[in-house]
Protein backbone atom coordinates (compact mmCIF):
# COMPACT_ATOMS: atom_id res chain seq x y z
CA MET A 1 24.66 -26.41 -1.29
CA LEU A 2 21.32 -25.41 -2.81
CA ASN A 3 20.49 -27.25 -5.86
CA LEU A 4 19.19 -24.02 -7.72
CA ASP A 5 20.91 -21.46 -10.04
CA LEU A 6 18.48 -18.46 -10.77
CA GLY A 7 21.16 -17.59 -13.67
CA VAL A 8 20.50 -20.55 -15.72
CA VAL A 9 16.80 -21.09 -15.18
CA SER A 10 14.26 -20.73 -17.96
CA LYS A 11 12.71 -17.52 -18.95
CA LYS A 12 9.16 -19.17 -17.85
CA ALA A 13 10.56 -19.94 -14.71
CA ARG A 14 12.10 -16.30 -13.99
CA ASP A 15 8.54 -15.04 -14.85
CA LEU A 16 6.80 -17.15 -12.43
CA LEU A 17 9.32 -16.24 -9.80
CA ALA A 18 8.50 -12.35 -10.61
CA ASP A 19 4.95 -13.34 -10.21
CA ASP A 20 5.69 -14.37 -6.73
CA ILE A 21 7.38 -11.04 -5.94
CA ALA A 22 4.53 -8.98 -7.20
CA MET A 23 1.65 -10.18 -4.95
CA ARG A 24 -1.06 -8.07 -6.41
CA CYS A 25 -1.91 -4.61 -7.40
CA ARG A 26 -4.57 -1.88 -7.03
CA VAL A 27 -5.87 1.12 -8.75
CA ARG A 28 -8.11 3.34 -6.57
CA LEU A 29 -10.35 6.32 -7.77
CA ALA A 30 -11.25 9.05 -5.50
CA ARG A 31 -14.53 10.80 -6.45
CA ASN A 32 -16.84 13.25 -4.58
CA LEU A 33 -20.49 14.40 -5.38
CA SER A 34 -20.88 18.10 -6.30
CA ASP A 35 -22.76 20.32 -3.95
CA GLU A 36 -21.97 17.88 -1.06
CA ARG A 37 -19.60 18.47 1.75
CA PHE A 38 -16.69 16.06 2.27
CA PRO A 39 -17.18 13.22 4.72
CA ASP A 40 -15.03 14.75 7.42
CA TRP A 41 -16.76 17.97 7.21
CA ALA A 42 -20.56 16.64 6.69
CA THR A 43 -23.26 15.99 9.31
CA GLU A 44 -24.35 12.65 9.83
CA ARG A 45 -27.70 13.57 7.62
CA ASP A 46 -25.08 14.67 4.91
CA ARG A 47 -23.41 11.47 5.03
CA GLU A 48 -26.58 9.20 4.93
CA ARG A 49 -27.80 11.25 1.97
CA VAL A 50 -24.71 10.69 -0.05
CA TYR A 51 -24.88 6.81 0.97
CA GLY A 52 -28.27 6.62 -0.41
CA LYS A 53 -27.28 8.32 -3.82
CA VAL A 54 -24.23 5.89 -4.14
CA ARG A 55 -26.27 2.97 -3.05
CA ASP A 56 -28.95 3.61 -5.82
CA ALA A 57 -26.25 3.94 -8.49
CA LEU A 58 -24.76 0.66 -7.51
CA HIS A 59 -28.02 -1.08 -7.56
CA ALA A 60 -28.62 0.20 -11.12
CA GLU A 61 -25.29 -0.32 -12.55
CA ALA A 62 -23.89 -3.04 -10.36
CA PRO A 63 -26.79 -5.25 -9.27
CA ASP A 64 -24.59 -8.06 -8.20
CA PHE A 65 -22.80 -6.00 -5.52
CA ARG A 66 -23.09 -6.32 -2.07
CA VAL A 67 -24.00 -2.73 -0.57
CA GLU A 68 -24.04 -2.42 3.13
CA PRO A 69 -23.47 0.31 5.87
CA VAL A 70 -20.16 -0.72 7.67
CA ALA A 71 -22.29 -0.55 10.91
CA ALA A 72 -24.53 -3.31 9.74
CA PHE A 73 -21.32 -5.66 9.89
CA GLU A 74 -20.21 -7.34 13.26
CA GLU A 75 -16.83 -6.09 14.57
CA GLN A 76 -15.10 -9.57 13.30
CA ASP A 77 -16.71 -9.03 9.68
CA ARG A 78 -15.37 -5.36 9.62
CA ASP A 79 -11.97 -6.56 10.54
CA VAL A 80 -11.94 -9.26 7.82
CA LEU A 81 -12.92 -6.71 5.27
CA CYS A 82 -10.07 -4.41 6.49
CA GLU A 83 -7.61 -7.25 6.52
CA ALA A 84 -8.73 -8.09 2.87
CA HIS A 85 -7.74 -4.60 1.78
CA LEU A 86 -11.66 -3.90 0.92
CA ILE A 87 -12.22 -1.30 3.35
CA SER A 88 -9.66 1.01 5.21
CA LYS A 89 -9.11 1.57 9.12
CA ASP A 90 -10.51 4.92 8.66
CA LEU A 91 -13.66 3.47 7.31
CA LEU A 92 -14.05 1.13 10.07
CA GLU A 93 -14.43 3.96 12.56
CA ARG A 94 -16.84 5.98 10.28
CA ALA A 95 -20.35 5.50 12.05
CA ALA A 96 -23.48 7.18 9.98
CA GLY A 97 -23.09 6.92 6.14
CA GLY A 98 -19.91 4.84 6.15
CA GLY A 99 -20.36 2.01 3.63
CA VAL A 100 -19.00 -0.83 1.39
CA ALA A 101 -19.86 -2.19 -1.80
CA TYR A 102 -18.00 -5.04 -3.32
CA ALA A 103 -18.18 -7.56 -6.24
CA PRO A 104 -18.83 -11.26 -5.47
CA ASP A 105 -15.20 -12.35 -6.62
CA GLY A 106 -13.61 -9.28 -4.68
CA SER A 107 -12.05 -7.88 -8.10
CA THR A 108 -13.77 -4.41 -7.53
CA CYS A 109 -14.80 -2.57 -4.33
CA VAL A 110 -16.35 0.96 -3.55
CA MET A 111 -15.81 2.56 0.01
CA ILE A 112 -18.30 5.04 0.55
CA ASN A 113 -17.90 8.24 2.67
CA GLU A 114 -13.97 7.27 3.82
CA GLU A 115 -12.38 10.39 2.84
CA ASP A 116 -13.89 11.03 -0.06
CA HIS A 117 -17.48 10.21 -1.03
CA LEU A 118 -16.51 7.23 -3.25
CA ARG A 119 -13.21 5.40 -3.18
CA ILE A 120 -13.58 2.93 -6.31
CA GLN A 121 -11.09 0.19 -6.20
CA GLY A 122 -9.93 -2.43 -8.78
CA PHE A 123 -7.68 -5.16 -7.99
CA SER A 124 -5.68 -7.68 -10.14
CA ALA A 125 -3.01 -10.42 -9.09
CA GLY A 126 0.60 -9.97 -9.77
CA LEU A 127 1.63 -6.73 -11.47
CA ASP A 128 -1.24 -6.70 -14.02
CA MET A 129 -1.97 -2.92 -13.32
CA GLN A 130 -3.95 -2.41 -16.56
CA ALA A 131 -6.52 -5.10 -15.49
CA ALA A 132 -6.89 -3.27 -12.25
CA TRP A 133 -7.26 0.14 -13.83
CA GLN A 134 -9.74 -1.32 -16.38
CA ALA A 135 -11.89 -2.61 -13.81
CA ALA A 136 -12.08 0.73 -11.72
CA ASP A 137 -12.30 2.82 -14.58
CA ALA A 138 -15.33 0.85 -16.19
CA LEU A 139 -17.34 0.98 -12.72
CA ASP A 140 -16.48 4.69 -12.51
CA THR A 141 -17.87 5.34 -16.00
CA ARG A 142 -21.14 3.43 -14.94
CA LEU A 143 -21.54 5.00 -11.95
CA GLU A 144 -21.01 8.55 -13.45
CA ARG A 145 -24.26 8.01 -15.24
CA HIS A 146 -26.13 8.56 -12.25
CA LEU A 147 -23.85 10.67 -9.79
CA ASN A 148 -22.82 14.22 -10.53
CA TYR A 149 -19.07 14.31 -9.74
CA ALA A 150 -17.35 17.30 -8.41
CA TRP A 151 -14.83 18.39 -11.33
CA THR A 152 -13.40 21.53 -12.83
CA PRO A 153 -11.83 21.94 -16.27
CA LYS A 154 -8.70 23.44 -14.64
CA LEU A 155 -8.12 21.16 -11.70
CA GLY A 156 -9.92 17.84 -12.76
CA TYR A 157 -11.74 15.72 -9.84
CA LEU A 158 -11.87 17.61 -6.76
CA THR A 159 -10.84 15.62 -3.37
CA ALA A 160 -10.53 16.00 0.18
CA CYS A 161 -6.98 15.65 0.07
CA PRO A 162 -5.18 18.17 -2.19
CA SER A 163 -2.62 15.20 -3.19
CA ASN A 164 -5.50 13.42 -4.98
CA VAL A 165 -6.81 16.25 -6.92
CA GLY A 166 -6.70 15.98 -10.76
CA THR A 167 -7.14 12.32 -11.73
CA GLY A 168 -8.02 11.29 -8.16
CA LEU A 169 -5.98 8.02 -9.42
CA ARG A 170 -3.74 6.19 -6.93
CA ALA A 171 -1.99 3.08 -8.53
CA SER A 172 -0.20 0.69 -6.16
CA ALA A 173 1.73 -2.56 -6.50
CA MET A 174 2.14 -4.94 -3.39
CA LEU A 175 5.82 -6.34 -3.58
CA HIS A 176 7.36 -9.09 -1.53
CA LEU A 177 11.43 -7.75 -0.98
CA LEU A 178 12.80 -10.03 1.37
CA GLY A 179 15.57 -10.77 -0.54
CA LEU A 180 16.69 -6.89 -0.83
CA ARG A 181 16.31 -6.87 2.85
CA LEU A 182 18.89 -10.28 3.41
CA ILE A 183 21.63 -8.81 1.13
CA GLY A 184 21.12 -5.06 2.93
CA GLU A 185 20.02 -3.06 -0.40
CA ILE A 186 16.17 -2.40 0.75
CA GLU A 187 17.09 1.08 2.16
CA PRO A 188 18.54 2.44 -0.97
CA VAL A 189 15.70 0.95 -3.11
CA VAL A 190 13.13 2.79 -0.91
CA ARG A 191 14.97 5.82 -0.92
CA GLY A 192 15.40 5.93 -4.89
CA LEU A 193 11.60 5.39 -4.99
CA GLU A 194 11.10 8.22 -2.88
CA ARG A 195 13.29 10.42 -4.91
CA MET A 196 11.25 9.73 -7.87
CA ARG A 197 8.01 10.84 -6.03
CA LEU A 198 6.66 7.36 -5.22
CA LEU A 199 5.03 6.60 -1.96
CA VAL A 200 6.41 3.52 -0.06
CA ARG A 201 4.22 2.01 2.72
CA GLY A 202 3.81 -1.23 4.59
CA ILE A 203 1.20 -3.99 3.97
CA GLY A 204 -1.30 -2.06 5.95
CA GLY A 205 -1.26 1.06 3.70
CA GLU A 206 -0.94 4.60 4.98
CA GLY A 207 1.05 4.88 8.33
CA SER A 208 2.01 1.24 8.34
CA GLU A 209 5.30 -0.21 8.31
CA ALA A 210 6.64 -3.08 5.93
CA ALA A 211 6.08 -6.00 8.17
CA GLY A 212 7.40 -9.23 6.64
CA GLN A 213 9.15 -6.90 4.08
CA ILE A 214 5.97 -6.48 2.20
CA TYR A 215 5.45 -3.08 0.52
CA GLN A 216 3.00 -0.96 -1.04
CA ILE A 217 4.62 1.24 -4.03
CA SER A 218 2.27 4.02 -5.54
CA ASN A 219 2.18 7.30 -7.23
CA MET A 220 2.62 10.38 -5.24
CA ASP A 221 1.17 12.87 -7.88
CA ALA A 222 -2.50 13.08 -9.52
CA LEU A 223 -2.51 16.38 -10.92
CA GLY A 224 -1.24 17.25 -14.41
CA VAL A 225 -0.81 13.91 -15.87
CA ASP A 226 -3.36 11.57 -17.29
CA GLU A 227 -4.57 8.33 -15.56
CA GLN A 228 -2.74 5.87 -18.34
CA THR A 229 0.42 7.47 -17.70
CA ILE A 230 0.45 7.08 -14.02
CA VAL A 231 -0.54 3.39 -14.27
CA GLN A 232 2.20 2.86 -16.86
CA ARG A 233 4.75 4.62 -14.74
CA VAL A 234 3.94 2.76 -11.55
CA THR A 235 3.77 -0.51 -13.51
CA ARG A 236 7.11 0.00 -15.15
CA ILE A 237 9.00 1.37 -11.80
CA SER A 238 7.36 -1.58 -9.87
CA GLY A 239 8.65 -4.01 -12.59
CA GLU A 240 12.24 -2.62 -12.06
CA VAL A 241 12.10 -3.13 -8.33
CA VAL A 242 10.89 -6.65 -9.18
CA ARG A 243 13.96 -7.18 -11.36
CA GLN A 244 16.04 -6.05 -8.51
CA GLU A 245 14.42 -8.30 -6.02
CA TYR A 246 15.04 -11.01 -8.51
CA ASN A 247 18.63 -10.36 -8.66
CA ALA A 248 19.15 -10.05 -4.98
CA ARG A 249 17.57 -13.51 -4.72
CA ALA A 250 20.18 -15.01 -7.07
CA ARG A 251 22.85 -13.41 -5.12
CA LEU A 252 21.80 -14.83 -2.10
CA ILE A 253 21.77 -18.39 -3.44
CA GLN A 254 25.08 -17.77 -5.34
CA GLU A 255 27.08 -15.77 -2.77
CA SER A 256 25.24 -16.36 0.82
CA PRO A 257 23.56 -19.53 0.41
CA LEU A 258 24.07 -20.14 4.53
CA VAL A 259 22.45 -16.84 5.10
CA LEU A 260 19.43 -17.88 3.12
CA LEU A 261 19.23 -21.39 4.57
CA ASP A 262 19.43 -20.03 8.12
CA CYS A 263 16.67 -17.97 7.58
CA LEU A 264 14.44 -20.18 6.31
CA ALA A 265 15.27 -23.04 8.89
CA ARG A 266 14.75 -20.73 11.94
CA SER A 267 11.43 -19.60 10.63
CA LEU A 268 10.17 -23.10 9.98
CA SER A 269 11.38 -24.19 13.34
CA VAL A 270 9.51 -21.16 15.10
CA LEU A 271 6.34 -21.88 13.17
CA GLN A 272 6.43 -25.48 13.87
CA ASN A 273 7.18 -25.31 17.61
CA ALA A 274 6.35 -21.73 18.96
CA ARG A 275 3.17 -21.77 21.42
CA LEU A 276 2.69 -17.98 21.24
CA LEU A 277 2.83 -15.70 18.24
CA ALA A 278 1.78 -12.27 17.63
CA THR A 279 0.45 -11.12 14.31
CA SER A 280 3.79 -9.02 13.49
CA GLU A 281 5.94 -12.04 14.57
CA ALA A 282 4.05 -14.69 12.64
CA LEU A 283 4.14 -12.32 9.43
CA GLU A 284 7.83 -11.96 9.62
CA PHE A 285 8.29 -15.83 9.86
CA LEU A 286 5.63 -16.43 7.16
CA SER A 287 7.69 -13.85 5.12
CA ALA A 288 10.59 -16.32 4.97
CA MET A 289 8.45 -19.36 4.25
CA ARG A 290 6.96 -17.48 1.21
CA LEU A 291 10.84 -16.76 -0.12
CA GLY A 292 11.40 -20.53 0.50
CA ALA A 293 8.15 -21.56 -1.23
CA SER A 294 8.78 -19.25 -4.03
CA LEU A 295 12.34 -20.74 -4.58
CA LYS A 296 11.03 -24.35 -4.37
CA LEU A 297 12.98 -24.74 -1.19
CA PHE A 298 10.16 -26.36 0.91
CA THR A 299 8.20 -29.80 0.40
CA ARG A 300 4.50 -29.53 0.49
CA LEU A 301 4.39 -25.55 0.43
CA LYS A 302 3.38 -23.39 -2.37
CA VAL A 303 3.42 -19.58 -2.66
CA LEU A 304 -0.46 -19.29 -2.63
CA ASP A 305 -0.52 -21.45 0.63
CA VAL A 306 1.49 -19.08 2.48
CA ASP A 307 -0.47 -15.85 0.97
CA GLN A 308 -3.51 -17.60 2.47
CA LEU A 309 -2.02 -18.37 5.79
CA ILE A 310 -0.76 -14.48 5.77
CA LEU A 311 -4.46 -13.65 5.75
CA LEU A 312 -6.02 -16.18 7.80
CA MET A 313 -3.70 -15.75 10.86
CA GLN A 314 -4.61 -12.17 11.21
CA PRO A 315 -7.02 -11.15 14.03
CA GLY A 316 -10.32 -10.88 12.26
CA HIS A 317 -10.04 -13.89 10.08
CA LEU A 318 -8.56 -16.12 12.88
CA GLN A 319 -11.61 -15.31 15.05
CA LYS A 320 -13.95 -15.65 12.26
CA GLY A 321 -12.66 -19.14 11.48
CA MET A 322 -12.83 -20.11 15.06
CA GLY A 323 -16.23 -18.64 15.57
CA THR A 324 -15.50 -17.00 18.68
CA SER A 325 -14.03 -13.57 20.08
CA LEU A 326 -10.62 -13.67 21.49
CA THR A 327 -8.40 -11.73 23.90
CA SER A 328 -5.05 -10.65 22.51
CA ASP A 329 -3.26 -13.41 24.47
CA GLU A 330 -5.84 -16.07 23.47
CA ARG A 331 -5.20 -14.85 19.67
CA ASP A 332 -1.47 -15.35 20.17
CA GLU A 333 -1.85 -19.08 21.46
CA ARG A 334 -4.26 -20.11 18.68
CA ARG A 335 -2.41 -18.49 16.11
CA SER A 336 0.60 -20.53 16.86
CA GLU A 337 -1.66 -23.57 17.20
CA PHE A 338 -3.18 -23.09 13.59
CA LEU A 339 0.41 -22.38 12.33
CA ARG A 340 1.80 -25.54 13.93
CA ARG A 341 -0.74 -27.49 12.23
CA LYS A 342 -0.24 -26.10 8.82
CA MET A 343 3.58 -26.44 8.97
CA ALA A 344 3.72 -29.87 10.59
CA ASN A 345 4.52 -31.77 7.29
CA VAL A 346 6.52 -28.91 5.78
CA ARG A 347 10.37 -29.65 5.16
CA LEU A 348 13.36 -27.53 4.04
CA LYS A 349 15.33 -28.90 1.28
CA THR A 350 19.20 -28.77 1.59
């Protein structure tokens, strides 16, 4: 039997577990310059002109930011930025005019000439959506001193995608929901979120699946409601999902401890012995390790350790860390070697 009862742990311990479930949050603001075509309708010269305007504004208001054209980065570095969620896959493919600017601590980032001229992003750990919103809003306010945004009194901010018109704000929370998957209740939760007009996506954002049972929950509507209301609503509903995941983990321990232990034991065994691991496979097994680390069921393993491994085992980070380009098969082999070393001394408590 497991020596753990979530029903009797302290409030502080419950809060720490909830912080583990909510991995991080992001607030993104879509902005466009007036009298300029949207990036997908613009010429290369148009996009380069917009890039120059945004770069100059950033240099004036955020001199500590690194501002670079996407084309200036090596392929591995572009992949690293994408895997760290600083740029999107769409921006990776943008040639002329595509750019990125980010703060040294990674808390704030601007994508230039993605779907919109600017996508200003604020990030925060856990479910501190207010901090992410304040970071993005503060940078947006400073940049507006130098940039003439496309805005109308009736519609608000004008964006390339009609769903973003209005506030241009997308608030999202990244949640680890393996407990709900293991007790068979993740589908009803997802359907409920969609009925409340929330988008549910995978770890890679739009078009991605929830590999490792990591989900992004975000608002669907940006028109007819103010920014603070959107942020508060996504925070409140995400908090309710966190509560449901917490209860699912408690039920696993109390009602199906062998299901939980089997999941953790199998994942640890594969990571300690596999000779080939694809990214998606590794993410599924690391997801189980993250759950076990959160419940303190592994020795020498913390949630932050697993979060770092989830990032470092991805293709761009893996190749960057090894200082070489690898084929897909070579990456699978090196990934398994890397994870075997990291998991060698981890043990499951029973």
